[in-house]
Amino acid sequence: MDASELKNLSASRTVDARGTSCPGPLLEAKKAIGTIMPGEIMEVLSSDEGTKVDIPKWCQKQGHEYLGTVEENGYFRIFLKKG
């Protein structure tokens, strides 16, 4: 997906982990994924650079679909679909 498609996605759950450093954003995502149904979309907000690598790797290991990342002013919006 390109950035404009990602920006228009409607997430079932948004996890705001801005201001936390690794592994905080990933741990917050792991907790929150259990609150949505398979096929639903989750958005993770993070100001930590490492999250751009951590979330896609975690998705691959857990069977979730990494949809993409949008860079905003000072943080990242990372989208995934629960497997």
PDB file of N, CA and C in Angstrom:
ATOM      1  N   MET A   1       0.837  -1.183   0.000  1.00  0.00           N
ATOM      2  CA  MET A   1       0.000   0.000   0.000  1.00  0.00           C
ATOM      3  C   MET A   1       0.882   1.246   0.000  1.00  0.00           C
ATOM      4  N   ASP A   2       0.405   2.278  -0.693  1.00  0.00           N
ATOM      5  CA  ASP A   2       1.174   3.518  -0.659  1.00  0.00           C
ATOM      6  C   ASP A   2       0.702   4.405   0.501  1.00  0.00           C
ATOM      7  N   ALA A   3       1.407   5.497   0.714  1.00  0.00           N
ATOM      8  CA  ALA A   3       1.142   6.346   1.877  1.00  0.00           C
ATOM      9  C   ALA A   3      -0.283   6.893   1.896  1.00  0.00           C
ATOM     10  N   SER A   4      -0.806   7.276   0.738  1.00  0.00           N
ATOM     11  CA  SER A   4      -2.163   7.836   0.722  1.00  0.00           C
ATOM     12  C   SER A   4      -3.203   6.781   1.074  1.00  0.00           C
ATOM     13  N   GLU A   5      -2.999   5.547   0.624  1.00  0.00           N
ATOM     14  CA  GLU A   5      -3.913   4.460   0.986  1.00  0.00           C
ATOM     15  C   GLU A   5      -3.845   4.175   2.489  1.00  0.00           C
ATOM     16  N   LEU A   6      -2.635   4.156   3.024  1.00  0.00           N
ATOM     17  CA  LEU A   6      -2.466   3.897   4.454  1.00  0.00           C
ATOM     18  C   LEU A   6      -3.122   4.991   5.292  1.00  0.00           C
ATOM     19  N   LYS A   7      -2.949   6.240   4.887  1.00  0.00           N
ATOM     20  CA  LYS A   7      -3.524   7.354   5.652  1.00  0.00           C
ATOM     21  C   LYS A   7      -5.047   7.292   5.691  1.00  0.00           C
ATOM     22  N   ASN A   8      -5.648   6.662   4.682  1.00  0.00           N
ATOM     23  CA  ASN A   8      -7.106   6.579   4.616  1.00  0.00           C
ATOM     24  C   ASN A   8      -7.675   5.318   5.249  1.00  0.00           C
ATOM     25  N   LEU A   9      -6.807   4.449   5.766  1.00  0.00           N
ATOM     26  CA  LEU A   9      -7.284   3.223   6.416  1.00  0.00           C
ATOM     27  C   LEU A   9      -8.005   3.562   7.720  1.00  0.00           C
ATOM     28  N   SER A  10      -9.020   2.786   8.008  1.00  0.00           N
ATOM     29  CA  SER A  10      -9.716   2.922   9.279  1.00  0.00           C
ATOM     30  C   SER A  10      -9.294   1.764  10.172  1.00  0.00           C
ATOM     31  N   ALA A  11      -8.543   2.072  11.211  1.00  0.00           N
ATOM     32  CA  ALA A  11      -8.034   1.040  12.109  1.00  0.00           C
ATOM     33  C   ALA A  11      -9.066   0.706  13.183  1.00  0.00           C
ATOM     34  N   SER A  12      -9.181  -0.575  13.489  1.00  0.00           N
ATOM     35  CA  SER A  12     -10.063  -1.008  14.574  1.00  0.00           C
ATOM     36  C   SER A  12      -9.484  -0.627  15.929  1.00  0.00           C
ATOM     37  N   ARG A  13      -8.161  -0.550  15.981  1.00  0.00           N
ATOM     38  CA  ARG A  13      -7.472  -0.234  17.243  1.00  0.00           C
ATOM     39  C   ARG A  13      -6.241   0.604  16.932  1.00  0.00           C
ATOM     40  N   THR A  14      -6.026   1.664  17.697  1.00  0.00           N
ATOM     41  CA  THR A  14      -4.821   2.473  17.577  1.00  0.00           C
ATOM     42  C   THR A  14      -4.069   2.395  18.896  1.00  0.00           C
ATOM     43  N   VAL A  15      -2.794   2.072  18.807  1.00  0.00           N
ATOM     44  CA  VAL A  15      -1.921   1.988  19.972  1.00  0.00           C
ATOM     45  C   VAL A  15      -0.976   3.180  19.910  1.00  0.00           C
ATOM     46  N   ASP A  16      -1.065   4.059  20.889  1.00  0.00           N
ATOM     47  CA  ASP A  16      -0.202   5.233  20.917  1.00  0.00           C
ATOM     48  C   ASP A  16       0.982   4.964  21.842  1.00  0.00           C
ATOM     49  N   ALA A  17       2.103   4.617  21.235  1.00  0.00           N
ATOM     50  CA  ALA A  17       3.319   4.317  21.999  1.00  0.00           C
ATOM     51  C   ALA A  17       4.378   5.389  21.781  1.00  0.00           C
ATOM     52  N   ARG A  18       3.946   6.560  21.337  1.00  0.00           N
ATOM     53  CA  ARG A  18       4.904   7.654  21.145  1.00  0.00           C
ATOM     54  C   ARG A  18       5.516   8.024  22.490  1.00  0.00           C
ATOM     55  N   GLY A  19       6.805   8.318  22.458  1.00  0.00           N
ATOM     56  CA  GLY A  19       7.495   8.696  23.688  1.00  0.00           C
ATOM     57  C   GLY A  19       8.098   7.524  24.433  1.00  0.00           C
ATOM     58  N   THR A  20       7.796   6.297  24.009  1.00  0.00           N
ATOM     59  CA  THR A  20       8.429   5.132  24.630  1.00  0.00           C
ATOM     60  C   THR A  20       9.513   4.619  23.698  1.00  0.00           C
ATOM     61  N   SER A  21      10.549   4.055  24.287  1.00  0.00           N
ATOM     62  CA  SER A  21      11.639   3.524  23.469  1.00  0.00           C
ATOM     63  C   SER A  21      11.552   2.005  23.431  1.00  0.00           C
ATOM     64  N   CYS A  22      12.328   1.430  22.534  1.00  0.00           N
ATOM     65  CA  CYS A  22      12.358  -0.015  22.337  1.00  0.00           C
ATOM     66  C   CYS A  22      12.631  -0.710  23.674  1.00  0.00           C
ATOM     67  N   PRO A  23      11.909  -1.733  24.016  1.00  0.00           N
ATOM     68  CA  PRO A  23      10.890  -2.462  23.248  1.00  0.00           C
ATOM     69  C   PRO A  23       9.459  -2.027  23.535  1.00  0.00           C
ATOM     70  N   GLY A  24       9.254  -0.840  24.121  1.00  0.00           N
ATOM     71  CA  GLY A  24       7.929  -0.382  24.511  1.00  0.00           C
ATOM     72  C   GLY A  24       6.854  -0.461  23.430  1.00  0.00           C
ATOM     73  N   PRO A  25       7.092   0.110  22.242  1.00  0.00           N
ATOM     74  CA  PRO A  25       6.054   0.061  21.219  1.00  0.00           C
ATOM     75  C   PRO A  25       5.666  -1.365  20.808  1.00  0.00           C
ATOM     76  N   LEU A  26       6.645  -2.240  20.703  1.00  0.00           N
ATOM     77  CA  LEU A  26       6.349  -3.628  20.337  1.00  0.00           C
ATOM     78  C   LEU A  26       5.557  -4.317  21.441  1.00  0.00           C
ATOM     79  N   LEU A  27       5.926  -4.095  22.690  1.00  0.00           N
ATOM     80  CA  LEU A  27       5.184  -4.700  23.803  1.00  0.00           C
ATOM     81  C   LEU A  27       3.746  -4.202  23.846  1.00  0.00           C
ATOM     82  N   GLU A  28       3.536  -2.915  23.579  1.00  0.00           N
ATOM     83  CA  GLU A  28       2.180  -2.361  23.540  1.00  0.00           C
ATOM     84  C   GLU A  28       1.376  -2.998  22.403  1.00  0.00           C
ATOM     85  N   ALA A  29       2.018  -3.199  21.256  1.00  0.00           N
ATOM     86  CA  ALA A  29       1.343  -3.830  20.116  1.00  0.00           C
ATOM     87  C   ALA A  29       0.973  -5.274  20.444  1.00  0.00           C
ATOM     88  N   LYS A  30       1.874  -5.987  21.108  1.00  0.00           N
ATOM     89  CA  LYS A  30       1.601  -7.380  21.482  1.00  0.00           C
ATOM     90  C   LYS A  30       0.407  -7.476  22.415  1.00  0.00           C
ATOM     91  N   LYS A  31       0.290  -6.533  23.354  1.00  0.00           N
ATOM     92  CA  LYS A  31      -0.852  -6.532  24.277  1.00  0.00           C
ATOM     93  C   LYS A  31      -2.148  -6.216  23.532  1.00  0.00           C
ATOM     94  N   ALA A  32      -2.087  -5.248  22.644  1.00  0.00           N
ATOM     95  CA  ALA A  32      -3.293  -4.762  21.974  1.00  0.00           C
ATOM     96  C   ALA A  32      -3.815  -5.713  20.903  1.00  0.00           C
ATOM     97  N   ILE A  33      -2.960  -6.529  20.309  1.00  0.00           N
ATOM     98  CA  ILE A  33      -3.396  -7.389  19.201  1.00  0.00           C
ATOM     99  C   ILE A  33      -4.483  -8.363  19.658  1.00  0.00           C
ATOM    100  N   GLY A  34      -4.476  -8.717  20.924  1.00  0.00           N
ATOM    101  CA  GLY A  34      -5.483  -9.632  21.455  1.00  0.00           C
ATOM    102  C   GLY A  34      -6.866  -9.014  21.591  1.00  0.00           C
ATOM    103  N   THR A  35      -6.958  -7.710  21.430  1.00  0.00           N
ATOM    104  CA  THR A  35      -8.242  -7.028  21.585  1.00  0.00           C
ATOM    105  C   THR A  35      -8.993  -6.850  20.275  1.00  0.00           C
ATOM    106  N   ILE A  36      -8.371  -7.258  19.151  1.00  0.00           N
ATOM    107  CA  ILE A  36      -9.051  -7.144  17.864  1.00  0.00           C
ATOM    108  C   ILE A  36      -9.238  -8.525  17.245  1.00  0.00           C
ATOM    109  N   MET A  37     -10.151  -8.605  16.295  1.00  0.00           N
ATOM    110  CA  MET A  37     -10.476  -9.869  15.641  1.00  0.00           C
ATOM    111  C   MET A  37      -9.566 -10.093  14.430  1.00  0.00           C
ATOM    112  N   PRO A  38      -9.352 -11.363  14.037  1.00  0.00           N
ATOM    113  CA  PRO A  38      -8.590 -11.628  12.817  1.00  0.00           C
ATOM    114  C   PRO A  38      -9.192 -10.866  11.626  1.00  0.00           C
ATOM    115  N   GLY A  39      -8.323 -10.274  10.828  1.00  0.00           N
ATOM    116  CA  GLY A  39      -8.749  -9.499   9.667  1.00  0.00           C
ATOM    117  C   GLY A  39      -8.915  -8.018   9.949  1.00  0.00           C
ATOM    118  N   GLU A  40      -8.937  -7.651  11.239  1.00  0.00           N
ATOM    119  CA  GLU A  40      -9.063  -6.239  11.580  1.00  0.00           C
ATOM    120  C   GLU A  40      -7.687  -5.567  11.531  1.00  0.00           C
ATOM    121  N   ILE A  41      -7.702  -4.256  11.389  1.00  0.00           N
ATOM    122  CA  ILE A  41      -6.477  -3.478  11.238  1.00  0.00           C
ATOM    123  C   ILE A  41      -6.129  -2.760  12.537  1.00  0.00           C
ATOM    124  N   MET A  42      -4.842  -2.790  12.861  1.00  0.00           N
ATOM    125  CA  MET A  42      -4.330  -2.079  14.020  1.00  0.00           C
ATOM    126  C   MET A  42      -3.288  -1.081  13.552  1.00  0.00           C
ATOM    127  N   GLU A  43      -3.295   0.089  14.173  1.00  0.00           N
ATOM    128  CA  GLU A  43      -2.329   1.135  13.882  1.00  0.00           C
ATOM    129  C   GLU A  43      -1.476   1.352  15.128  1.00  0.00           C
ATOM    130  N   VAL A  44      -0.169   1.393  14.950  1.00  0.00           N
ATOM    131  CA  VAL A  44       0.752   1.642  16.060  1.00  0.00           C
ATOM    132  C   VAL A  44       1.438   2.980  15.795  1.00  0.00           C
ATOM    133  N   LEU A  45       1.325   3.896  16.750  1.00  0.00           N
ATOM    134  CA  LEU A  45       1.994   5.187  16.664  1.00  0.00           C
ATOM    135  C   LEU A  45       3.266   5.099  17.501  1.00  0.00           C
ATOM    136  N   SER A  46       4.402   5.426  16.892  1.00  0.00           N
ATOM    137  CA  SER A  46       5.669   5.301  17.607  1.00  0.00           C
ATOM    138  C   SER A  46       6.648   6.370  17.151  1.00  0.00           C
ATOM    139  N   SER A  47       7.405   6.888  18.102  1.00  0.00           N
ATOM    140  CA  SER A  47       8.464   7.846  17.784  1.00  0.00           C
ATOM    141  C   SER A  47       9.831   7.165  17.798  1.00  0.00           C
ATOM    142  N   ASP A  48       9.868   5.859  18.031  1.00  0.00           N
ATOM    143  CA  ASP A  48      11.114   5.100  18.091  1.00  0.00           C
ATOM    144  C   ASP A  48      11.443   4.512  16.721  1.00  0.00           C
ATOM    145  N   GLU A  49      12.615   4.848  16.187  1.00  0.00           N
ATOM    146  CA  GLU A  49      13.058   4.368  14.867  1.00  0.00           C
ATOM    147  C   GLU A  49      12.995   2.851  14.737  1.00  0.00           C
ATOM    148  N   GLY A  50      13.383   2.147  15.792  1.00  0.00           N
ATOM    149  CA  GLY A  50      13.454   0.691  15.749  1.00  0.00           C
ATOM    150  C   GLY A  50      12.121   0.014  15.497  1.00  0.00           C
ATOM    151  N   THR A  51      11.038   0.695  15.807  1.00  0.00           N
ATOM    152  CA  THR A  51       9.713   0.119  15.633  1.00  0.00           C
ATOM    153  C   THR A  51       9.425  -0.172  14.166  1.00  0.00           C
ATOM    154  N   LYS A  52      10.018   0.622  13.262  1.00  0.00           N
ATOM    155  CA  LYS A  52       9.813   0.408  11.823  1.00  0.00           C
ATOM    156  C   LYS A  52      10.349  -0.953  11.376  1.00  0.00           C
ATOM    157  N   VAL A  53      11.300  -1.489  12.123  1.00  0.00           N
ATOM    158  CA  VAL A  53      11.868  -2.803  11.820  1.00  0.00           C
ATOM    159  C   VAL A  53      11.205  -3.877  12.688  1.00  0.00           C
ATOM    160  N   ASP A  54      10.985  -3.558  13.957  1.00  0.00           N
ATOM    161  CA  ASP A  54      10.451  -4.538  14.911  1.00  0.00           C
ATOM    162  C   ASP A  54       9.052  -5.031  14.550  1.00  0.00           C
ATOM    163  N   ILE A  55       8.147  -4.126  14.201  1.00  0.00           N
ATOM    164  CA  ILE A  55       6.762  -4.519  13.916  1.00  0.00           C
ATOM    165  C   ILE A  55       6.669  -5.431  12.687  1.00  0.00           C
ATOM    166  N   PRO A  56       7.303  -5.091  11.559  1.00  0.00           N
ATOM    167  CA  PRO A  56       7.231  -6.019  10.412  1.00  0.00           C
ATOM    168  C   PRO A  56       7.798  -7.409  10.722  1.00  0.00           C
ATOM    169  N   LYS A  57       8.911  -7.472  11.461  1.00  0.00           N
ATOM    170  CA  LYS A  57       9.493  -8.779  11.828  1.00  0.00           C
ATOM    171  C   LYS A  57       8.531  -9.567  12.712  1.00  0.00           C
ATOM    172  N   TRP A  58       7.930  -8.895  13.678  1.00  0.00           N
ATOM    173  CA  TRP A  58       6.970  -9.533  14.579  1.00  0.00           C
ATOM    174  C   TRP A  58       5.765 -10.036  13.792  1.00  0.00           C
ATOM    175  N   CYS A  59       5.273  -9.221  12.867  1.00  0.00           N
ATOM    176  CA  CYS A  59       4.126  -9.632  12.032  1.00  0.00           C
ATOM    177  C   CYS A  59       4.444 -10.918  11.275  1.00  0.00           C
ATOM    178  N   GLN A  60       5.619 -10.971  10.687  1.00  0.00           N
ATOM    179  CA  GLN A  60       6.018 -12.145   9.914  1.00  0.00           C
ATOM    180  C   GLN A  60       6.074 -13.391  10.794  1.00  0.00           C
ATOM    181  N   LYS A  61       6.615 -13.253  11.992  1.00  0.00           N
ATOM    182  CA  LYS A  61       6.728 -14.396  12.904  1.00  0.00           C
ATOM    183  C   LYS A  61       5.370 -14.866  13.419  1.00  0.00           C
ATOM    184  N   GLN A  62       4.442 -13.924  13.608  1.00  0.00           N
ATOM    185  CA  GLN A  62       3.157 -14.240  14.234  1.00  0.00           C
ATOM    186  C   GLN A  62       2.021 -14.482  13.239  1.00  0.00           C
ATOM    187  N   GLY A  63       2.278 -14.288  11.957  1.00  0.00           N
ATOM    188  CA  GLY A  63       1.247 -14.530  10.958  1.00  0.00           C
ATOM    189  C   GLY A  63       0.306 -13.356  10.724  1.00  0.00           C
ATOM    190  N   HIS A  64       0.730 -12.163  11.122  1.00  0.00           N
ATOM    191  CA  HIS A  64      -0.050 -10.954  10.846  1.00  0.00           C
ATOM    192  C   HIS A  64       0.491 -10.343   9.555  1.00  0.00           C
ATOM    193  N   GLU A  65      -0.307  -9.514   8.910  1.00  0.00           N
ATOM    194  CA  GLU A  65       0.117  -8.885   7.664  1.00  0.00           C
ATOM    195  C   GLU A  65       0.546  -7.446   7.926  1.00  0.00           C
ATOM    196  N   TYR A  66       1.813  -7.168   7.680  1.00  0.00           N
ATOM    197  CA  TYR A  66       2.327  -5.806   7.790  1.00  0.00           C
ATOM    198  C   TYR A  66       1.857  -5.046   6.554  1.00  0.00           C
ATOM    199  N   LEU A  67       1.153  -3.943   6.754  1.00  0.00           N
ATOM    200  CA  LEU A  67       0.590  -3.187   5.636  1.00  0.00           C
ATOM    201  C   LEU A  67       1.459  -2.019   5.192  1.00  0.00           C
ATOM    202  N   GLY A  68       2.226  -1.447   6.117  1.00  0.00           N
ATOM    203  CA  GLY A  68       3.107  -0.349   5.751  1.00  0.00           C
ATOM    204  C   GLY A  68       3.260   0.669   6.857  1.00  0.00           C
ATOM    205  N   THR A  69       4.142   1.632   6.599  1.00  0.00           N
ATOM    206  CA  THR A  69       4.458   2.677   7.560  1.00  0.00           C
ATOM    207  C   THR A  69       4.353   4.038   6.896  1.00  0.00           C
ATOM    208  N   VAL A  70       3.761   4.986   7.608  1.00  0.00           N
ATOM    209  CA  VAL A  70       3.674   6.370   7.154  1.00  0.00           C
ATOM    210  C   VAL A  70       4.471   7.219   8.136  1.00  0.00           C
ATOM    211  N   GLU A  71       5.380   8.040   7.623  1.00  0.00           N
ATOM    212  CA  GLU A  71       6.152   8.933   8.483  1.00  0.00           C
ATOM    213  C   GLU A  71       5.398  10.248   8.631  1.00  0.00           C
ATOM    214  N   GLU A  72       5.125  10.609   9.865  1.00  0.00           N
ATOM    215  CA  GLU A  72       4.491  11.885  10.171  1.00  0.00           C
ATOM    216  C   GLU A  72       5.558  12.797  10.775  1.00  0.00           C
ATOM    217  N   ASN A  73       5.168  13.941  11.251  1.00  0.00           N
ATOM    218  CA  ASN A  73       6.119  14.889  11.836  1.00  0.00           C
ATOM    219  C   ASN A  73       6.532  14.422  13.225  1.00  0.00           C
ATOM    220  N   GLY A  74       7.655  13.707  13.319  1.00  0.00           N
ATOM    221  CA  GLY A  74       8.186  13.281  14.612  1.00  0.00           C
ATOM    222  C   GLY A  74       7.759  11.902  15.075  1.00  0.00           C
ATOM    223  N   TYR A  75       6.966  11.193  14.281  1.00  0.00           N
ATOM    224  CA  TYR A  75       6.567   9.832  14.655  1.00  0.00           C
ATOM    225  C   TYR A  75       6.161   9.021  13.421  1.00  0.00           C
ATOM    226  N   PHE A  76       5.930   7.750  13.642  1.00  0.00           N
ATOM    227  CA  PHE A  76       5.555   6.827  12.566  1.00  0.00           C
ATOM    228  C   PHE A  76       4.183   6.245  12.838  1.00  0.00           C
ATOM    229  N   ARG A  77       3.428   6.032  11.781  1.00  0.00           N
ATOM    230  CA  ARG A  77       2.143   5.320  11.861  1.00  0.00           C
ATOM    231  C   ARG A  77       2.361   3.990  11.150  1.00  0.00           C
ATOM    232  N   ILE A  78       2.292   2.910  11.905  1.00  0.00           N
ATOM    233  CA  ILE A  78       2.563   1.572  11.377  1.00  0.00           C
ATOM    234  C   ILE A  78       1.262   0.774  11.376  1.00  0.00           C
ATOM    235  N   PHE A  79       0.933   0.212  10.221  1.00  0.00           N
ATOM    236  CA  PHE A  79      -0.342  -0.493  10.069  1.00  0.00           C
ATOM    237  C   PHE A  79      -0.116  -1.977   9.861  1.00  0.00           C
ATOM    238  N   LEU A  80      -0.980  -2.777  10.504  1.00  0.00           N
ATOM    239  CA  LEU A  80      -0.936  -4.221  10.314  1.00  0.00           C
ATOM    240  C   LEU A  80      -2.346  -4.792  10.374  1.00  0.00           C
ATOM    241  N   LYS A  81      -2.495  -5.954   9.749  1.00  0.00           N
ATOM    242  CA  LYS A  81      -3.782  -6.667   9.784  1.00  0.00           C
ATOM    243  C   LYS A  81      -3.568  -7.946  10.563  1.00  0.00           C
ATOM    244  N   LYS A  82      -4.423  -8.179  11.545  1.00  0.00           N
ATOM    245  CA  LYS A  82      -4.295  -9.364  12.377  1.00  0.00           C
ATOM    246  C   LYS A  82      -4.568 -10.617  11.561  1.00  0.00           C
ATOM    247  N   GLY A  83      -3.690 -11.605  11.717  1.00  0.00           N
ATOM    248  CA  GLY A  83      -3.813 -12.874  10.994  1.00  0.00           C
ATOM    249  C   GLY A  83      -4.705 -13.848  11.723  1.00  0.00           C
TER     250      GLY A  83
END
